[in-house]
Amino acid sequence: MGTSGSSLIMVIVLPFLVLGAGVLGLAVFMGLRATRGFRAEWRRHRRNRRARPRAWADHRQWTYTPEVPHPPLTSALAISYPRGAKRYTEVIEGAVRGVPAASWIQTEWRSDTPHRGEFSRQRVAALHVPWSVPRISLTPSVDELSHSVNSSVNAATRVVLEGDRFNRAWFVSSDDPRTASTVLHPRTMERLLLPDALPAAGAQLSHEKTHVRFIGRHLYAWRPYRTDVNNLDELFRLLGDLYDLTPDHVRQDRGPDDRP
């Protein structure tokens, strides 16, 4: 009775199992077929994304490296999180105004808080200069709220310069306010108010804002969350101008300038 009962159950259940397996297999097949175009487009987009920085580098006779284990230009920039894993990918290296230059996508994973899934990712442009200065950070203030938040959070290191329009447009902080005031002289402030450096009026998106930082022997510029190379010429032009506008006595006091 037990054997015949089991056989009867198998006879009843087996067709349903076969049917279920067939339906599942068909669903998987149809799903793969339906997403084939999407997957092909994603792979094509990924190849093109990598090809663009390589083409940008080739056009300017710069070098391209898919990934490096250490910061390019022996840089130690931490854009957002002081602790956490970092990757340096799609690295482009060359020269701007006679000094070493590089650009890369910097990805940082947050590991110092419970929110470990948070990360920042943007393409950085940098120059390695023959003199050194303390940290000078310039953050665009695109509205009154962001300016107020910056002022309250970074009040201890804020640097107020002579120029109301500049102070409204940029929030400057530094570990050495005196050097910051020397580096950011009127001509430099005027350069930082030009359209390629200053966000357009009413700009709200983070990727429209250019951030600038002097730290040690490096000058940096980036636009948060942007990883394309379409704005690299603008960023390097800005960095090159800031390099040229650095006063001679800053160069002489803080390192030799070996430019021709």
C-alpha atoms as a PDB file:
ATOM      1  CA  MET A   1       0.000   0.000   0.000  1.00  0.00           C
ATOM      2  CA  GLY A   2       2.831   2.365   0.928  1.00  0.00           C
ATOM      3  CA  THR A   3       4.708   1.689  -2.295  1.00  0.00           C
ATOM      4  CA  SER A   4       1.652   1.975  -4.483  1.00  0.00           C
ATOM      5  CA  GLY A   5       0.608   5.169  -2.660  1.00  0.00           C
ATOM      6  CA  SER A   6       4.000   6.736  -3.223  1.00  0.00           C
ATOM      7  CA  SER A   7       3.909   5.756  -6.880  1.00  0.00           C
ATOM      8  CA  LEU A   8       0.475   7.282  -7.240  1.00  0.00           C
ATOM      9  CA  ILE A   9       1.666  10.539  -5.670  1.00  0.00           C
ATOM     10  CA  MET A  10       4.653  10.634  -8.009  1.00  0.00           C
ATOM     11  CA  VAL A  11       2.405  10.032 -11.006  1.00  0.00           C
ATOM     12  CA  ILE A  12       0.235  12.962  -9.945  1.00  0.00           C
ATOM     13  CA  VAL A  13       3.016  15.345  -8.883  1.00  0.00           C
ATOM     14  CA  LEU A  14       5.622  14.651 -11.584  1.00  0.00           C
ATOM     15  CA  PRO A  15       3.762  16.343 -14.461  1.00  0.00           C
ATOM     16  CA  PHE A  16       3.389  19.479 -12.349  1.00  0.00           C
ATOM     17  CA  LEU A  17       7.102  19.448 -11.522  1.00  0.00           C
ATOM     18  CA  VAL A  18       7.988  19.066 -15.177  1.00  0.00           C
ATOM     19  CA  LEU A  19       5.530  21.806 -16.133  1.00  0.00           C
ATOM     20  CA  GLY A  20       6.883  24.111 -13.421  1.00  0.00           C
ATOM     21  CA  ALA A  21      10.465  23.530 -14.508  1.00  0.00           C
ATOM     22  CA  GLY A  22       9.489  24.213 -18.095  1.00  0.00           C
ATOM     23  CA  VAL A  23       7.689  27.428 -17.199  1.00  0.00           C
ATOM     24  CA  LEU A  24      10.643  28.560 -15.078  1.00  0.00           C
ATOM     25  CA  GLY A  25      13.111  27.781 -17.851  1.00  0.00           C
ATOM     26  CA  LEU A  26      10.953  29.616 -20.375  1.00  0.00           C
ATOM     27  CA  ALA A  27      10.696  32.623 -18.065  1.00  0.00           C
ATOM     28  CA  VAL A  28      14.472  32.718 -17.621  1.00  0.00           C
ATOM     29  CA  PHE A  29      14.997  32.381 -21.378  1.00  0.00           C
ATOM     30  CA  MET A  30      12.486  35.123 -22.162  1.00  0.00           C
ATOM     31  CA  GLY A  31      13.993  37.355 -19.476  1.00  0.00           C
ATOM     32  CA  LEU A  32      17.491  36.942 -20.882  1.00  0.00           C
ATOM     33  CA  ARG A  33      16.217  37.566 -24.380  1.00  0.00           C
ATOM     34  CA  ALA A  34      14.243  40.629 -23.314  1.00  0.00           C
ATOM     35  CA  THR A  35      17.247  42.161 -21.556  1.00  0.00           C
ATOM     36  CA  ARG A  36      19.781  41.190 -24.211  1.00  0.00           C
ATOM     37  CA  GLY A  37      19.616  44.586 -25.843  1.00  0.00           C
ATOM     38  CA  PHE A  38      19.917  46.352 -22.509  1.00  0.00           C
ATOM     39  CA  ARG A  39      22.919  44.243 -21.500  1.00  0.00           C
ATOM     40  CA  ALA A  40      24.600  44.820 -24.851  1.00  0.00           C
ATOM     41  CA  GLU A  41      23.970  48.551 -24.563  1.00  0.00           C
ATOM     42  CA  TRP A  42      25.379  48.563 -21.007  1.00  0.00           C
ATOM     43  CA  ARG A  43      28.542  46.764 -22.155  1.00  0.00           C
ATOM     44  CA  ARG A  44      28.867  49.152 -25.096  1.00  0.00           C
ATOM     45  CA  HIS A  45      28.395  52.155 -22.792  1.00  0.00           C
ATOM     46  CA  ARG A  46      31.050  50.803 -20.428  1.00  0.00           C
ATOM     47  CA  ARG A  47      33.533  50.316 -23.282  1.00  0.00           C
ATOM     48  CA  ASN A  48      32.796  53.792 -24.629  1.00  0.00           C
ATOM     49  CA  ARG A  49      33.175  55.340 -21.184  1.00  0.00           C
ATOM     50  CA  ARG A  50      36.644  53.862 -20.901  1.00  0.00           C
ATOM     51  CA  ALA A  51      37.494  54.750 -24.484  1.00  0.00           C
ATOM     52  CA  ARG A  52      36.695  58.440 -24.020  1.00  0.00           C
ATOM     53  CA  PRO A  53      39.416  59.204 -21.441  1.00  0.00           C
ATOM     54  CA  ARG A  54      41.870  57.107 -23.451  1.00  0.00           C
ATOM     55  CA  ALA A  55      40.983  59.073 -26.592  1.00  0.00           C
ATOM     56  CA  TRP A  56      41.239  62.345 -24.641  1.00  0.00           C
ATOM     57  CA  ALA A  57      44.738  61.347 -23.519  1.00  0.00           C
ATOM     58  CA  ASP A  58      45.829  60.140 -26.970  1.00  0.00           C
ATOM     59  CA  HIS A  59      44.665  63.365 -28.601  1.00  0.00           C
ATOM     60  CA  ARG A  60      46.886  65.381 -26.244  1.00  0.00           C
ATOM     61  CA  GLN A  61      49.775  62.894 -26.229  1.00  0.00           C
ATOM     62  CA  TRP A  62      49.167  62.090 -22.575  1.00  0.00           C
ATOM     63  CA  THR A  63      49.230  58.604 -21.050  1.00  0.00           C
ATOM     64  CA  TYR A  64      46.238  56.563 -19.925  1.00  0.00           C
ATOM     65  CA  THR A  65      46.231  53.853 -17.234  1.00  0.00           C
ATOM     66  CA  PRO A  66      43.047  51.939 -16.284  1.00  0.00           C
ATOM     67  CA  GLU A  67      43.881  51.828 -12.564  1.00  0.00           C
ATOM     68  CA  VAL A  68      46.768  52.572 -10.201  1.00  0.00           C
ATOM     69  CA  PRO A  69      47.258  51.354  -6.609  1.00  0.00           C
ATOM     70  CA  HIS A  70      48.420  54.712  -5.241  1.00  0.00           C
ATOM     71  CA  PRO A  71      47.293  58.324  -5.711  1.00  0.00           C
ATOM     72  CA  PRO A  72      48.580  59.851  -8.973  1.00  0.00           C
ATOM     73  CA  LEU A  73      51.282  62.532  -8.670  1.00  0.00           C
ATOM     74  CA  THR A  74      52.006  61.104  -5.178  1.00  0.00           C
ATOM     75  CA  SER A  75      48.888  62.984  -4.164  1.00  0.00           C
ATOM     76  CA  ALA A  76      47.190  62.475  -0.821  1.00  0.00           C
ATOM     77  CA  LEU A  77      43.887  64.205  -1.508  1.00  0.00           C
ATOM     78  CA  ALA A  78      40.913  63.071   0.562  1.00  0.00           C
ATOM     79  CA  ILE A  79      37.916  64.772  -0.981  1.00  0.00           C
ATOM     80  CA  SER A  80      35.282  63.689   1.478  1.00  0.00           C
ATOM     81  CA  TYR A  81      35.976  60.884   3.890  1.00  0.00           C
ATOM     82  CA  PRO A  82      39.207  60.867   5.904  1.00  0.00           C
ATOM     83  CA  ARG A  83      39.105  57.117   6.411  1.00  0.00           C
ATOM     84  CA  GLY A  84      37.985  54.439   4.005  1.00  0.00           C
ATOM     85  CA  ALA A  85      38.938  52.450   0.955  1.00  0.00           C
ATOM     86  CA  LYS A  86      39.960  54.416  -2.128  1.00  0.00           C
ATOM     87  CA  ARG A  87      40.371  53.569  -5.798  1.00  0.00           C
ATOM     88  CA  TYR A  88      42.116  55.574  -8.505  1.00  0.00           C
ATOM     89  CA  THR A  89      40.879  54.630 -11.974  1.00  0.00           C
ATOM     90  CA  GLU A  90      40.929  55.914 -15.566  1.00  0.00           C
ATOM     91  CA  VAL A  91      44.143  57.823 -14.859  1.00  0.00           C
ATOM     92  CA  ILE A  92      45.352  60.390 -17.411  1.00  0.00           C
ATOM     93  CA  GLU A  93      48.815  61.935 -16.998  1.00  0.00           C
ATOM     94  CA  GLY A  94      50.644  64.682 -18.864  1.00  0.00           C
ATOM     95  CA  ALA A  95      51.729  68.288 -18.304  1.00  0.00           C
ATOM     96  CA  VAL A  96      50.027  71.682 -18.045  1.00  0.00           C
ATOM     97  CA  ARG A  97      52.004  74.933 -18.213  1.00  0.00           C
ATOM     98  CA  GLY A  98      55.203  72.913 -17.885  1.00  0.00           C
ATOM     99  CA  VAL A  99      54.309  71.126 -14.633  1.00  0.00           C
ATOM    100  CA  PRO A 100      53.135  67.510 -14.125  1.00  0.00           C
ATOM    101  CA  ALA A 101      49.378  67.104 -14.384  1.00  0.00           C
ATOM    102  CA  ALA A 102      46.978  64.218 -13.928  1.00  0.00           C
ATOM    103  CA  SER A 103      43.304  63.402 -13.812  1.00  0.00           C
ATOM    104  CA  TRP A 104      41.612  60.351 -12.371  1.00  0.00           C
ATOM    105  CA  ILE A 105      38.335  59.056 -11.024  1.00  0.00           C
ATOM    106  CA  GLN A 106      38.629  58.881  -7.263  1.00  0.00           C
ATOM    107  CA  THR A 107      36.191  56.594  -5.461  1.00  0.00           C
ATOM    108  CA  GLU A 108      36.051  56.564  -1.666  1.00  0.00           C
ATOM    109  CA  TRP A 109      34.002  54.218   0.497  1.00  0.00           C
ATOM    110  CA  ARG A 110      33.010  55.459   3.904  1.00  0.00           C
ATOM    111  CA  SER A 111      34.239  53.214   6.722  1.00  0.00           C
ATOM    112  CA  ASP A 112      34.271  55.494   9.751  1.00  0.00           C
ATOM    113  CA  THR A 113      30.511  55.465  10.420  1.00  0.00           C
ATOM    114  CA  PRO A 114      27.715  52.862  10.395  1.00  0.00           C
ATOM    115  CA  HIS A 115      26.799  54.061   6.876  1.00  0.00           C
ATOM    116  CA  ARG A 116      29.419  51.925   5.187  1.00  0.00           C
ATOM    117  CA  GLY A 117      27.598  51.886   1.884  1.00  0.00           C
ATOM    118  CA  GLU A 118      28.107  55.598   1.325  1.00  0.00           C
ATOM    119  CA  PHE A 119      30.792  56.700  -1.119  1.00  0.00           C
ATOM    120  CA  SER A 120      31.909  59.644  -3.197  1.00  0.00           C
ATOM    121  CA  ARG A 121      33.006  59.387  -6.805  1.00  0.00           C
ATOM    122  CA  GLN A 122      34.296  62.131  -9.074  1.00  0.00           C
ATOM    123  CA  ARG A 123      36.958  62.901 -11.628  1.00  0.00           C
ATOM    124  CA  VAL A 124      39.756  64.996 -10.148  1.00  0.00           C
ATOM    125  CA  ALA A 125      42.153  67.265 -12.050  1.00  0.00           C
ATOM    126  CA  ALA A 126      45.486  68.055 -10.381  1.00  0.00           C
ATOM    127  CA  LEU A 127      48.814  69.819 -10.872  1.00  0.00           C
ATOM    128  CA  HIS A 128      52.044  68.969  -9.038  1.00  0.00           C
ATOM    129  CA  VAL A 129      53.796  72.308  -8.477  1.00  0.00           C
ATOM    130  CA  PRO A 130      57.380  73.098  -7.377  1.00  0.00           C
ATOM    131  CA  TRP A 131      56.330  74.969  -4.237  1.00  0.00           C
ATOM    132  CA  SER A 132      54.205  74.122  -1.222  1.00  0.00           C
ATOM    133  CA  VAL A 133      51.409  75.925   0.630  1.00  0.00           C
ATOM    134  CA  PRO A 134      49.127  75.015   3.544  1.00  0.00           C
ATOM    135  CA  ARG A 135      45.608  73.833   2.763  1.00  0.00           C
ATOM    136  CA  ILE A 136      43.381  76.402   1.076  1.00  0.00           C
ATOM    137  CA  SER A 137      39.905  75.112   0.179  1.00  0.00           C
ATOM    138  CA  LEU A 138      37.415  76.961  -1.998  1.00  0.00           C
ATOM    139  CA  THR A 139      33.813  75.771  -1.980  1.00  0.00           C
ATOM    140  CA  PRO A 140      31.219  77.497  -4.174  1.00  0.00           C
ATOM    141  CA  SER A 141      28.280  79.074  -2.356  1.00  0.00           C
ATOM    142  CA  VAL A 142      25.498  78.807  -4.900  1.00  0.00           C
ATOM    143  CA  ASP A 143      22.807  80.115  -2.548  1.00  0.00           C
ATOM    144  CA  GLU A 144      22.388  81.803   0.822  1.00  0.00           C
ATOM    145  CA  LEU A 145      21.623  78.510   2.574  1.00  0.00           C
ATOM    146  CA  SER A 146      24.835  76.771   1.468  1.00  0.00           C
ATOM    147  CA  HIS A 147      26.848  79.859   2.394  1.00  0.00           C
ATOM    148  CA  SER A 148      25.227  79.968   5.826  1.00  0.00           C
ATOM    149  CA  VAL A 149      25.865  76.256   6.423  1.00  0.00           C
ATOM    150  CA  ASN A 150      29.518  76.574   5.400  1.00  0.00           C
ATOM    151  CA  SER A 151      29.960  79.615   7.614  1.00  0.00           C
ATOM    152  CA  SER A 152      28.584  77.873  10.690  1.00  0.00           C
ATOM    153  CA  VAL A 153      30.312  74.514  10.175  1.00  0.00           C
ATOM    154  CA  ASN A 154      33.754  75.889   9.251  1.00  0.00           C
ATOM    155  CA  ALA A 155      33.743  79.149  11.185  1.00  0.00           C
ATOM    156  CA  ALA A 156      37.104  78.446  12.855  1.00  0.00           C
ATOM    157  CA  THR A 157      39.003  78.158   9.564  1.00  0.00           C
ATOM    158  CA  ARG A 158      37.028  80.582   7.416  1.00  0.00           C
ATOM    159  CA  VAL A 159      38.991  83.246   5.532  1.00  0.00           C
ATOM    160  CA  VAL A 160      37.174  86.465   4.599  1.00  0.00           C
ATOM    161  CA  LEU A 161      38.852  88.354   1.766  1.00  0.00           C
ATOM    162  CA  GLU A 162      38.510  91.920   0.498  1.00  0.00           C
ATOM    163  CA  GLY A 163      35.765  91.586  -2.050  1.00  0.00           C
ATOM    164  CA  ASP A 164      32.065  91.240  -1.227  1.00  0.00           C
ATOM    165  CA  ARG A 165      31.159  89.548  -4.492  1.00  0.00           C
ATOM    166  CA  PHE A 166      33.928  86.970  -4.076  1.00  0.00           C
ATOM    167  CA  ASN A 167      32.988  86.289  -0.457  1.00  0.00           C
ATOM    168  CA  ARG A 168      29.378  85.726  -1.492  1.00  0.00           C
ATOM    169  CA  ALA A 169      30.394  83.425  -4.353  1.00  0.00           C
ATOM    170  CA  TRP A 170      33.077  81.358  -2.614  1.00  0.00           C
ATOM    171  CA  PHE A 171      33.553  80.017   0.887  1.00  0.00           C
ATOM    172  CA  VAL A 172      37.285  79.943   1.659  1.00  0.00           C
ATOM    173  CA  SER A 173      38.803  77.975   4.523  1.00  0.00           C
ATOM    174  CA  SER A 174      42.466  77.489   5.338  1.00  0.00           C
ATOM    175  CA  ASP A 175      44.883  76.290   7.988  1.00  0.00           C
ATOM    176  CA  ASP A 176      46.894  79.473   7.341  1.00  0.00           C
ATOM    177  CA  PRO A 177      44.657  82.509   6.681  1.00  0.00           C
ATOM    178  CA  ARG A 178      47.629  84.790   6.003  1.00  0.00           C
ATOM    179  CA  THR A 179      48.960  82.604   3.186  1.00  0.00           C
ATOM    180  CA  ALA A 180      45.438  82.163   1.825  1.00  0.00           C
ATOM    181  CA  SER A 181      45.015  85.940   1.633  1.00  0.00           C
ATOM    182  CA  THR A 182      48.357  86.209  -0.175  1.00  0.00           C
ATOM    183  CA  VAL A 183      47.602  83.459  -2.696  1.00  0.00           C
ATOM    184  CA  LEU A 184      44.049  84.691  -3.340  1.00  0.00           C
ATOM    185  CA  HIS A 185      44.988  88.222  -4.360  1.00  0.00           C
ATOM    186  CA  PRO A 186      42.621  90.427  -6.451  1.00  0.00           C
ATOM    187  CA  ARG A 187      43.656  89.015  -9.847  1.00  0.00           C
ATOM    188  CA  THR A 188      43.190  85.445  -8.609  1.00  0.00           C
ATOM    189  CA  MET A 189      39.790  86.318  -7.152  1.00  0.00           C
ATOM    190  CA  GLU A 190      38.835  87.901 -10.474  1.00  0.00           C
ATOM    191  CA  ARG A 191      39.832  84.684 -12.278  1.00  0.00           C
ATOM    192  CA  LEU A 192      37.722  82.597  -9.895  1.00  0.00           C
ATOM    193  CA  LEU A 193      34.673  84.721 -10.705  1.00  0.00           C
ATOM    194  CA  LEU A 194      34.780  83.875 -14.431  1.00  0.00           C
ATOM    195  CA  PRO A 195      31.974  81.633 -15.753  1.00  0.00           C
ATOM    196  CA  ASP A 196      34.111  78.496 -16.193  1.00  0.00           C
ATOM    197  CA  ALA A 197      34.954  78.526 -12.470  1.00  0.00           C
ATOM    198  CA  LEU A 198      31.805  79.949 -10.934  1.00  0.00           C
ATOM    199  CA  PRO A 199      28.505  78.038 -11.204  1.00  0.00           C
ATOM    200  CA  ALA A 200      25.857  79.602 -13.365  1.00  0.00           C
ATOM    201  CA  ALA A 201      23.308  81.734 -11.548  1.00  0.00           C
ATOM    202  CA  GLY A 202      20.705  79.497  -9.950  1.00  0.00           C
ATOM    203  CA  ALA A 203      22.729  76.308 -10.376  1.00  0.00           C
ATOM    204  CA  GLN A 204      21.617  73.773  -7.800  1.00  0.00           C
ATOM    205  CA  LEU A 205      23.116  70.490  -8.953  1.00  0.00           C
ATOM    206  CA  SER A 206      26.284  69.396  -7.193  1.00  0.00           C
ATOM    207  CA  HIS A 207      28.007  68.412 -10.427  1.00  0.00           C
ATOM    208  CA  GLU A 208      27.777  72.007 -11.695  1.00  0.00           C
ATOM    209  CA  LYS A 209      29.929  73.345  -8.864  1.00  0.00           C
ATOM    210  CA  THR A 210      33.694  73.569  -9.240  1.00  0.00           C
ATOM    211  CA  HIS A 211      35.647  72.877  -6.053  1.00  0.00           C
ATOM    212  CA  VAL A 212      39.257  74.061  -5.774  1.00  0.00           C
ATOM    213  CA  ARG A 213      41.932  73.110  -3.288  1.00  0.00           C
ATOM    214  CA  PHE A 214      45.573  74.058  -2.711  1.00  0.00           C
ATOM    215  CA  ILE A 215      47.346  71.624  -0.416  1.00  0.00           C
ATOM    216  CA  GLY A 216      51.067  70.992  -0.143  1.00  0.00           C
ATOM    217  CA  ARG A 217      52.550  70.808  -3.626  1.00  0.00           C
ATOM    218  CA  HIS A 218      49.250  70.133  -5.366  1.00  0.00           C
ATOM    219  CA  LEU A 219      46.434  72.155  -6.892  1.00  0.00           C
ATOM    220  CA  TYR A 220      43.115  70.343  -7.356  1.00  0.00           C
ATOM    221  CA  ALA A 221      39.805  71.005  -9.055  1.00  0.00           C
ATOM    222  CA  TRP A 222      36.761  68.779  -9.393  1.00  0.00           C
ATOM    223  CA  ARG A 223      33.008  68.841  -9.841  1.00  0.00           C
ATOM    224  CA  PRO A 224      31.275  66.424  -7.447  1.00  0.00           C
ATOM    225  CA  TYR A 225      29.875  63.229  -8.981  1.00  0.00           C
ATOM    226  CA  ARG A 226      31.127  64.051 -12.490  1.00  0.00           C
ATOM    227  CA  THR A 227      33.324  61.299 -13.900  1.00  0.00           C
ATOM    228  CA  ASP A 228      33.391  62.269 -17.595  1.00  0.00           C
ATOM    229  CA  VAL A 229      36.234  64.053 -19.372  1.00  0.00           C
ATOM    230  CA  ASN A 230      34.072  66.693 -21.043  1.00  0.00           C
ATOM    231  CA  ASN A 231      35.018  69.379 -18.522  1.00  0.00           C
ATOM    232  CA  LEU A 232      38.705  68.477 -18.131  1.00  0.00           C
ATOM    233  CA  ASP A 233      39.973  71.195 -20.456  1.00  0.00           C
ATOM    234  CA  GLU A 234      38.122  73.781 -18.357  1.00  0.00           C
ATOM    235  CA  LEU A 235      39.470  72.404 -15.092  1.00  0.00           C
ATOM    236  CA  PHE A 236      43.067  72.250 -16.309  1.00  0.00           C
ATOM    237  CA  ARG A 237      42.805  75.746 -17.777  1.00  0.00           C
ATOM    238  CA  LEU A 238      41.596  77.004 -14.395  1.00  0.00           C
ATOM    239  CA  LEU A 239      44.374  75.190 -12.525  1.00  0.00           C
ATOM    240  CA  GLY A 240      46.977  76.480 -14.982  1.00  0.00           C
ATOM    241  CA  ASP A 241      45.775  80.040 -14.474  1.00  0.00           C
ATOM    242  CA  LEU A 242      45.852  79.650 -10.683  1.00  0.00           C
ATOM    243  CA  TYR A 243      49.391  78.317 -10.990  1.00  0.00           C
ATOM    244  CA  ASP A 244      50.484  81.268 -13.127  1.00  0.00           C
ATOM    245  CA  LEU A 245      48.777  83.748 -10.787  1.00  0.00           C
ATOM    246  CA  THR A 246      50.538  82.490  -7.663  1.00  0.00           C
ATOM    247  CA  PRO A 247      52.741  85.377  -6.456  1.00  0.00           C
ATOM    248  CA  ASP A 248      56.478  85.081  -7.018  1.00  0.00           C
ATOM    249  CA  HIS A 249      57.309  85.589  -3.359  1.00  0.00           C
ATOM    250  CA  VAL A 250      55.110  82.603  -2.428  1.00  0.00           C
ATOM    251  CA  ARG A 251      57.020  80.476  -4.927  1.00  0.00           C
ATOM    252  CA  GLN A 252      60.388  81.696  -3.653  1.00  0.00           C
ATOM    253  CA  ASP A 253      59.562  81.370   0.032  1.00  0.00           C
ATOM    254  CA  ARG A 254      58.064  77.909  -0.282  1.00  0.00           C
ATOM    255  CA  GLY A 255      60.187  76.154  -2.859  1.00  0.00           C
ATOM    256  CA  PRO A 256      62.199  76.642  -6.054  1.00  0.00           C
ATOM    257  CA  ASP A 257      60.371  77.471  -9.221  1.00  0.00           C
ATOM    258  CA  ASP A 258      62.166  75.680 -12.040  1.00  0.00           C
ATOM    259  CA  ARG A 259      59.951  76.853 -14.853  1.00  0.00           C
ATOM    260  CA  PRO A 260      61.758  78.231 -17.876  1.00  0.00           C
END
